[in-house]
Amino acid sequence: MISRLVAWYRVPVYDNIEETQKSRFLYITLLVTIGTSLVIGFQNIREDTYIGIALFVLAAVCLICIPLSNHGYYNPVAAFISVLVLGLITLSLIEGIGMRDSGLLAYPVLIIFTSFLFSREVIIITTLTSLASIELVYYLEHTGRLSIPEFDLNTQLVVVSVMVMAVGLAMWVYKDNWEKILANLRRTYDLTLSGWSQALELRDRETEGHSQRAVEMTLDIARKLGVSRLELEQKRRGALLHDIGKMAVPDAILLKPGKLTKAEWQVIHQHPQQAVRMLENIPYLKSALAIPHSHHERWDGSGYPQGLKGETIPFAARIFAVVDVWDALTSDRPYRKAWSDRKARTYLKDKSGVLFDPQVVDVFLELIERGTSMN
């Protein structure tokens, strides 16, 4: 039970740099909100029961939201907490001393928080809703619905509104630059992976163009099977790097023109484990390892390196296994001519449920017949 609770409240780590940083910021924000709500709640409970109770409720909600955020509900949690905090700020001003309350400083803080939690478009929404909240408090004071001492509301309204807009503009500029940096980082990262793949193809000349074709076909099948955008990215990387382990295979074996000996085949069969050794220490490639490690596994358990069977084979590897064999059969190799599409389709049908996942074969053949990105 304790270990399960610890798992629920662990620090989030994902395969995407941006997702990890955003989730960690939300995680820290929730922890800070819990602590702050409890401290201020204890201070207010005697003087203002409503605000004290509201703060305790906010702390409890944040506590529940941590495991929800860690288990795939990041956007709903971030949006709910942002709206809840905005509502609480407004309530504290109405229950307090309105436009004189130092709680007005919470609006810029909220804008800064949401700029880290969401895309830059949300900064506009947060800025406008903050201004609307301030206008509501001003309206209630101006119309006498809030009974407070005399104060120059017009000046305070202008000062606070300008402050909120300035913070919103500053965070917009920051977020715009940050998103450009992340986009360049992702582009550089992907170009590096593509470079690794091309380096292998240059070395193993018989597979020229194989990786890119395999990537496109793998993504077509994955989309058809309802794979999410984030998972598609990992499958794309895994497909690009599927044979990266062959970099550890000696040229004398990899480029041998004749038939390989049993010992040489054993060396070839080690390339999935070599791929794991090369990539396992790269945090953001761990989820992409399924294809490099397991794409030679077979549905009936006759594959390698682990002899996995059926659905124990990672889903991404089951998809790629069909793609890999299709591209190999329909491409010219030094030891044989390419098979016709008809002959290759017949082979896949015959081996469906034997070597390959039947569902994947069915979807693949359907896409082939439609001519969807398979040529």
Protein backbone atom coordinates (compact mmCIF):
# COMPACT_ATOMS: atom_id res chain seq x y z
CA MET A 1 0.00 0.00 0.00
CA ILE A 2 2.76 2.42 0.95
CA SER A 3 4.74 1.63 -2.21
CA ARG A 4 1.63 2.30 -4.31
CA LEU A 5 1.12 5.68 -2.64
CA VAL A 6 4.77 6.54 -3.25
CA ALA A 7 4.33 5.62 -6.93
CA TRP A 8 1.26 7.87 -7.17
CA TYR A 9 3.16 10.83 -5.76
CA ARG A 10 6.50 10.31 -7.50
CA VAL A 11 8.17 13.13 -9.44
CA PRO A 12 6.90 12.83 -13.05
CA VAL A 13 9.29 11.83 -15.84
CA TYR A 14 8.17 11.46 -19.47
CA ASP A 15 9.83 10.66 -22.79
CA ASN A 16 9.37 14.21 -24.02
CA ILE A 17 11.56 16.99 -22.61
CA GLU A 18 8.83 19.62 -22.76
CA GLU A 19 6.19 17.37 -21.18
CA THR A 20 8.57 16.44 -18.36
CA GLN A 21 9.43 20.05 -17.54
CA LYS A 22 5.80 21.19 -17.64
CA SER A 23 4.65 18.26 -15.49
CA ARG A 24 7.40 18.85 -12.96
CA PHE A 25 6.51 22.53 -12.73
CA LEU A 26 2.87 21.61 -12.10
CA TYR A 27 4.02 19.07 -9.51
CA ILE A 28 6.03 21.75 -7.67
CA THR A 29 3.20 24.26 -8.05
CA LEU A 30 0.75 21.84 -6.44
CA LEU A 31 3.12 21.17 -3.54
CA VAL A 32 3.73 24.89 -2.99
CA THR A 33 -0.02 25.58 -3.20
CA ILE A 34 -0.71 22.89 -0.60
CA GLY A 35 1.85 24.31 1.82
CA THR A 36 0.83 27.92 1.28
CA SER A 37 -2.90 27.13 1.57
CA LEU A 38 -2.41 25.31 4.86
CA VAL A 39 -0.26 28.06 6.39
CA ILE A 40 -2.55 30.93 5.30
CA GLY A 41 -5.62 28.82 6.07
CA PHE A 42 -4.59 28.37 9.71
CA GLN A 43 -3.97 32.11 9.96
CA ASN A 44 -7.39 33.00 8.50
CA ILE A 45 -9.62 30.34 10.04
CA ARG A 46 -10.22 32.34 13.21
CA GLU A 47 -10.78 35.71 11.50
CA ASP A 48 -12.45 34.63 8.27
CA THR A 49 -14.03 31.20 8.31
CA TYR A 50 -14.97 31.23 4.62
CA ILE A 51 -11.46 31.98 3.35
CA GLY A 52 -9.88 29.53 5.81
CA ILE A 53 -12.17 26.70 4.74
CA ALA A 54 -11.66 27.56 1.06
CA LEU A 55 -7.88 27.35 1.51
CA PHE A 56 -8.13 23.98 3.24
CA VAL A 57 -10.32 22.71 0.40
CA LEU A 58 -7.76 23.99 -2.13
CA ALA A 59 -4.98 22.10 -0.32
CA ALA A 60 -7.03 18.89 -0.34
CA VAL A 61 -7.85 19.28 -4.04
CA CYS A 62 -4.18 19.84 -4.90
CA LEU A 63 -3.25 16.72 -2.94
CA ILE A 64 -5.70 14.68 -5.03
CA CYS A 65 -4.55 16.34 -8.25
CA ILE A 66 -0.89 15.27 -7.92
CA PRO A 67 -1.48 11.56 -8.78
CA LEU A 68 -4.04 12.55 -11.43
CA SER A 69 -1.47 14.78 -13.13
CA ASN A 70 1.18 12.06 -12.88
CA HIS A 71 -1.13 9.54 -14.57
CA GLY A 72 -1.93 11.40 -17.77
CA TYR A 73 -4.41 14.10 -16.72
CA TYR A 74 -1.97 17.02 -16.85
CA ASN A 75 -4.10 19.45 -18.90
CA PRO A 76 -7.37 18.97 -16.95
CA VAL A 77 -5.53 19.29 -13.63
CA ALA A 78 -3.57 22.38 -14.68
CA ALA A 79 -6.73 24.06 -16.04
CA PHE A 80 -8.83 23.17 -12.98
CA ILE A 81 -6.22 24.42 -10.50
CA SER A 82 -5.74 27.66 -12.45
CA VAL A 83 -9.48 28.38 -12.43
CA LEU A 84 -9.75 27.41 -8.77
CA VAL A 85 -6.89 29.71 -7.75
CA LEU A 86 -8.35 32.59 -9.78
CA GLY A 87 -11.69 32.10 -8.06
CA LEU A 88 -10.04 31.99 -4.64
CA ILE A 89 -8.11 35.21 -5.31
CA THR A 90 -11.32 36.95 -6.30
CA LEU A 91 -13.14 35.61 -3.23
CA SER A 92 -10.33 36.73 -0.91
CA LEU A 93 -10.54 40.29 -2.27
CA ILE A 94 -14.31 40.40 -1.92
CA GLU A 95 -14.20 38.96 1.59
CA GLY A 96 -11.22 41.19 2.47
CA ILE A 97 -10.65 44.86 1.74
CA GLY A 98 -11.12 44.78 -2.01
CA MET A 99 -8.80 46.92 -4.12
CA ARG A 100 -6.69 47.74 -1.05
CA ASP A 101 -5.87 44.09 -0.43
CA SER A 102 -2.28 42.95 -1.02
CA GLY A 103 -3.87 39.83 -2.57
CA LEU A 104 -3.93 41.83 -5.82
CA LEU A 105 -0.30 40.75 -6.23
CA ALA A 106 -1.54 37.18 -6.68
CA TYR A 107 -2.80 38.01 -10.20
CA PRO A 108 0.67 38.51 -11.73
CA VAL A 109 1.87 35.39 -9.93
CA LEU A 110 -1.02 33.43 -11.44
CA ILE A 111 -0.12 34.68 -14.93
CA ILE A 112 3.48 33.61 -14.42
CA PHE A 113 2.40 30.16 -13.23
CA THR A 114 0.04 29.57 -16.16
CA SER A 115 2.72 30.69 -18.61
CA PHE A 116 4.80 27.74 -17.45
CA LEU A 117 1.86 25.34 -17.39
CA PHE A 118 0.36 26.05 -20.82
CA SER A 119 1.16 27.34 -24.29
CA ARG A 120 1.57 31.08 -24.80
CA GLU A 121 -2.02 31.47 -26.10
CA VAL A 122 -3.31 30.70 -22.59
CA ILE A 123 -1.39 33.71 -21.24
CA ILE A 124 -3.87 35.96 -23.06
CA ILE A 125 -6.81 34.11 -21.50
CA THR A 126 -5.30 34.28 -18.01
CA THR A 127 -4.50 38.00 -18.40
CA LEU A 128 -8.02 38.82 -19.60
CA THR A 129 -9.73 36.75 -16.88
CA SER A 130 -7.50 38.37 -14.24
CA LEU A 131 -8.51 41.80 -15.54
CA ALA A 132 -12.16 40.73 -15.50
CA SER A 133 -11.80 39.59 -11.89
CA ILE A 134 -10.22 42.93 -10.93
CA GLU A 135 -13.00 44.80 -12.72
CA LEU A 136 -15.57 42.74 -10.78
CA VAL A 137 -14.01 43.71 -7.43
CA TYR A 138 -13.79 47.34 -8.58
CA TYR A 139 -17.44 47.29 -9.66
CA LEU A 140 -18.59 45.87 -6.32
CA GLU A 141 -16.67 48.56 -4.45
CA HIS A 142 -17.68 51.36 -6.81
CA THR A 143 -21.38 50.50 -6.49
CA GLY A 144 -21.16 50.23 -2.69
CA ARG A 145 -21.78 46.52 -2.50
CA LEU A 146 -18.52 46.21 -0.51
CA SER A 147 -18.39 48.27 2.67
CA ILE A 148 -14.79 49.48 3.10
CA PRO A 149 -12.98 52.71 4.07
CA GLU A 150 -12.53 55.58 1.60
CA PHE A 151 -9.85 54.98 -1.01
CA ASP A 152 -8.95 56.21 -4.51
CA LEU A 153 -10.29 53.24 -6.41
CA ASN A 154 -9.67 54.72 -9.85
CA THR A 155 -5.94 55.09 -9.28
CA GLN A 156 -5.67 51.62 -7.76
CA LEU A 157 -7.58 50.12 -10.70
CA VAL A 158 -5.21 51.68 -13.23
CA VAL A 159 -2.07 50.65 -11.33
CA VAL A 160 -3.17 47.05 -10.84
CA SER A 161 -4.49 46.69 -14.40
CA VAL A 162 -1.25 48.01 -15.89
CA MET A 163 0.74 45.67 -13.64
CA VAL A 164 -1.31 42.65 -14.75
CA MET A 165 -1.02 43.55 -18.45
CA ALA A 166 2.74 44.17 -18.11
CA VAL A 167 3.28 40.76 -16.54
CA GLY A 168 1.09 39.14 -19.19
CA LEU A 169 3.07 40.80 -22.00
CA ALA A 170 6.40 39.88 -20.41
CA MET A 171 5.41 36.25 -20.03
CA TRP A 172 4.09 36.18 -23.62
CA VAL A 173 7.50 37.29 -24.90
CA TYR A 174 9.27 34.82 -22.62
CA LYS A 175 7.00 31.94 -23.64
CA ASP A 176 7.38 32.76 -27.34
CA ASN A 177 11.18 32.62 -27.04
CA TRP A 178 11.06 29.48 -24.91
CA GLU A 179 8.86 27.65 -27.42
CA LYS A 180 11.25 28.60 -30.22
CA ILE A 181 14.16 27.23 -28.17
CA LEU A 182 12.28 23.99 -27.55
CA ALA A 183 11.36 23.67 -31.22
CA ASN A 184 15.01 24.11 -32.21
CA LEU A 185 16.07 21.60 -29.57
CA ARG A 186 13.56 19.02 -30.84
CA ARG A 187 14.66 19.65 -34.42
CA THR A 188 18.32 19.22 -33.50
CA TYR A 189 17.52 16.10 -31.49
CA ASP A 190 15.62 14.51 -34.36
CA LEU A 191 18.28 15.44 -36.89
CA THR A 192 20.85 13.71 -34.68
CA LEU A 193 18.76 10.52 -34.63
CA SER A 194 18.31 10.72 -38.40
CA GLY A 195 22.07 11.14 -38.75
CA TRP A 196 22.67 7.98 -36.74
CA SER A 197 20.23 6.12 -38.97
CA GLN A 198 21.84 7.43 -42.17
CA ALA A 199 25.30 6.53 -40.87
CA LEU A 200 24.17 2.92 -40.47
CA GLU A 201 22.65 2.88 -43.94
CA LEU A 202 25.89 4.18 -45.45
CA ARG A 203 27.72 1.38 -43.71
CA ASP A 204 25.17 -1.32 -44.52
CA ARG A 205 24.65 -0.38 -48.17
CA GLU A 206 21.99 -2.98 -48.94
CA THR A 207 19.49 -1.22 -46.66
CA GLU A 208 19.71 2.25 -48.25
CA GLY A 209 16.45 4.14 -47.70
CA HIS A 210 15.06 1.32 -45.59
CA SER A 211 14.81 3.28 -42.33
CA GLN A 212 12.83 6.19 -43.77
CA ARG A 213 10.41 3.90 -45.58
CA ALA A 214 9.98 1.85 -42.43
CA VAL A 215 9.30 4.96 -40.36
CA GLU A 216 6.53 6.13 -42.69
CA MET A 217 4.85 2.73 -42.83
CA THR A 218 5.10 2.23 -39.07
CA LEU A 219 3.46 5.58 -38.37
CA ASP A 220 0.69 4.88 -40.90
CA ILE A 221 -0.20 1.64 -39.13
CA ALA A 222 0.10 3.18 -35.66
CA ARG A 223 -2.26 6.03 -36.60
CA LYS A 224 -4.75 3.55 -37.99
CA LEU A 225 -4.60 1.65 -34.70
CA GLY A 226 -5.33 4.82 -32.70
CA VAL A 227 -1.89 5.49 -31.22
CA SER A 228 -1.59 8.91 -29.52
CA ARG A 229 0.59 11.73 -30.84
CA LEU A 230 3.14 11.36 -28.04
CA GLU A 231 3.42 7.61 -28.62
CA LEU A 232 3.77 8.19 -32.36
CA GLU A 233 6.86 10.28 -31.69
CA GLN A 234 8.48 7.46 -29.73
CA LYS A 235 7.59 4.92 -32.42
CA ARG A 236 9.10 7.18 -35.04
CA ARG A 237 12.34 7.37 -33.10
CA GLY A 238 12.35 3.64 -32.46
CA ALA A 239 11.80 2.90 -36.15
CA LEU A 240 14.64 5.25 -37.11
CA LEU A 241 16.99 3.48 -34.70
CA HIS A 242 15.71 -0.07 -35.15
CA ASP A 243 19.03 -1.46 -36.39
CA ILE A 244 21.35 0.91 -34.54
CA GLY A 245 22.78 -2.11 -32.71
CA LYS A 246 24.37 -3.25 -35.98
CA MET A 247 26.92 -0.50 -35.49
CA ALA A 248 28.54 -2.94 -33.05
CA VAL A 249 28.69 -5.74 -35.64
CA PRO A 250 32.11 -6.10 -37.32
CA ASP A 251 32.33 -5.18 -41.02
CA ALA A 252 33.63 -8.66 -41.83
CA ILE A 253 30.27 -10.07 -40.77
CA LEU A 254 27.85 -7.25 -41.61
CA LEU A 255 29.23 -6.75 -45.14
CA LYS A 256 30.06 -10.39 -45.87
CA PRO A 257 28.84 -11.16 -49.43
CA GLY A 258 28.43 -14.90 -48.89
CA LYS A 259 26.49 -17.08 -46.52
CA LEU A 260 27.03 -16.45 -42.80
CA THR A 261 28.23 -19.20 -40.48
CA LYS A 262 26.32 -20.19 -37.36
CA ALA A 263 28.77 -18.24 -35.18
CA GLU A 264 28.40 -15.18 -37.40
CA TRP A 265 24.62 -15.37 -37.15
CA GLN A 266 24.96 -15.41 -33.38
CA VAL A 267 26.87 -12.13 -33.61
CA ILE A 268 24.15 -10.65 -35.85
CA HIS A 269 21.48 -11.80 -33.40
CA GLN A 270 23.16 -9.80 -30.66
CA HIS A 271 22.42 -6.43 -32.28
CA PRO A 272 19.12 -5.89 -30.35
CA GLN A 273 21.00 -6.16 -27.04
CA GLN A 274 23.70 -3.88 -28.45
CA ALA A 275 21.02 -1.31 -29.25
CA VAL A 276 19.82 -1.42 -25.64
CA ARG A 277 23.37 -0.92 -24.36
CA MET A 278 23.83 2.06 -26.66
CA LEU A 279 20.54 3.80 -25.88
CA GLU A 280 19.35 2.78 -22.41
CA ASN A 281 21.24 5.57 -20.65
CA ILE A 282 19.54 8.25 -22.75
CA PRO A 283 16.41 9.07 -20.68
CA TYR A 284 14.26 10.35 -23.54
CA LEU A 285 14.88 7.27 -25.70
CA LYS A 286 13.85 4.65 -23.14
CA SER A 287 10.32 4.35 -24.53
CA ALA A 288 11.71 4.15 -28.06
CA LEU A 289 13.77 1.06 -27.18
CA ALA A 290 10.87 -1.35 -27.79
CA ILE A 291 11.49 -1.44 -31.55
CA PRO A 292 15.31 -1.72 -31.56
CA HIS A 293 15.18 -4.40 -28.86
CA SER A 294 12.18 -6.50 -29.91
CA HIS A 295 11.44 -6.10 -33.64
CA HIS A 296 12.88 -9.57 -34.35
CA GLU A 297 10.53 -11.25 -31.87
CA ARG A 298 7.84 -13.39 -33.49
CA TRP A 299 4.20 -14.03 -32.60
CA ASP A 300 4.77 -17.77 -32.04
CA GLY A 301 7.83 -17.20 -29.84
CA SER A 302 10.38 -18.25 -32.46
CA GLY A 303 12.11 -14.86 -32.63
CA TYR A 304 15.02 -13.32 -30.77
CA PRO A 305 16.61 -12.08 -28.52
CA GLN A 306 14.17 -13.05 -25.74
CA GLY A 307 11.82 -15.46 -27.50
CA LEU A 308 8.77 -13.38 -26.53
CA LYS A 309 5.39 -14.63 -27.67
CA GLY A 310 2.07 -13.05 -28.65
CA GLU A 311 1.07 -9.89 -26.81
CA THR A 312 4.09 -10.08 -24.51
CA ILE A 313 5.96 -8.58 -27.46
CA PRO A 314 5.81 -4.75 -27.19
CA PHE A 315 3.09 -3.32 -29.42
CA ALA A 316 5.48 -1.02 -31.29
CA ALA A 317 7.77 -3.96 -32.07
CA ARG A 318 4.83 -6.00 -33.38
CA ILE A 319 3.96 -3.19 -35.79
CA PHE A 320 7.52 -2.72 -36.93
CA ALA A 321 8.13 -6.46 -37.41
CA VAL A 322 5.54 -6.52 -40.21
CA VAL A 323 6.91 -3.34 -41.78
CA ASP A 324 10.52 -4.54 -41.57
CA VAL A 325 9.81 -7.86 -43.26
CA TRP A 326 7.65 -6.25 -45.97
CA ASP A 327 10.34 -3.72 -46.89
CA ALA A 328 13.03 -6.41 -46.87
CA LEU A 329 11.01 -8.71 -49.14
CA THR A 330 10.07 -5.98 -51.63
CA SER A 331 13.60 -4.54 -51.91
CA ASP A 332 16.52 -5.81 -54.00
CA ARG A 333 19.26 -7.48 -52.00
CA PRO A 334 22.68 -8.78 -53.17
CA TYR A 335 21.55 -12.37 -52.62
CA ARG A 336 18.09 -12.09 -54.30
CA LYS A 337 15.77 -9.91 -56.36
CA ALA A 338 12.87 -8.07 -54.75
CA TRP A 339 9.60 -9.98 -54.41
CA SER A 340 6.49 -8.67 -56.11
CA ASP A 341 3.91 -6.95 -53.90
CA ARG A 342 1.51 -9.81 -54.54
CA LYS A 343 4.00 -12.45 -53.40
CA ALA A 344 4.91 -10.41 -50.30
CA ARG A 345 1.22 -9.93 -49.41
CA THR A 346 0.64 -13.66 -49.71
CA TYR A 347 3.58 -14.31 -47.40
CA LEU A 348 2.25 -11.93 -44.74
CA LYS A 349 -1.21 -13.51 -44.91
CA ASP A 350 0.28 -16.98 -44.52
CA LYS A 351 2.38 -15.91 -41.53
CA SER A 352 -0.39 -13.89 -39.84
CA GLY A 353 -0.93 -15.42 -36.41
CA VAL A 354 2.28 -17.42 -36.83
CA LEU A 355 5.12 -14.90 -37.07
CA PHE A 356 3.13 -11.67 -36.97
CA ASP A 357 0.33 -10.07 -34.95
CA PRO A 358 -2.86 -10.79 -36.96
CA GLN A 359 -4.37 -7.38 -36.18
CA VAL A 360 -1.28 -5.56 -37.41
CA VAL A 361 -1.14 -7.67 -40.58
CA ASP A 362 -4.81 -6.94 -41.34
CA VAL A 363 -4.35 -3.17 -40.94
CA PHE A 364 -1.10 -3.21 -42.92
CA LEU A 365 -2.61 -5.11 -45.85
CA GLU A 366 -5.63 -2.81 -45.83
CA LEU A 367 -3.32 0.20 -46.10
CA ILE A 368 -1.30 -1.52 -48.83
CA GLU A 369 -4.42 -2.16 -50.87
CA ARG A 370 -5.47 1.47 -50.49
CA GLY A 371 -1.98 2.60 -51.49
CA THR A 372 -1.69 4.81 -48.35
CA SER A 373 1.93 6.01 -48.08
CA MET A 374 3.25 2.55 -48.75
CA ASN A 375 5.05 3.08 -52.00
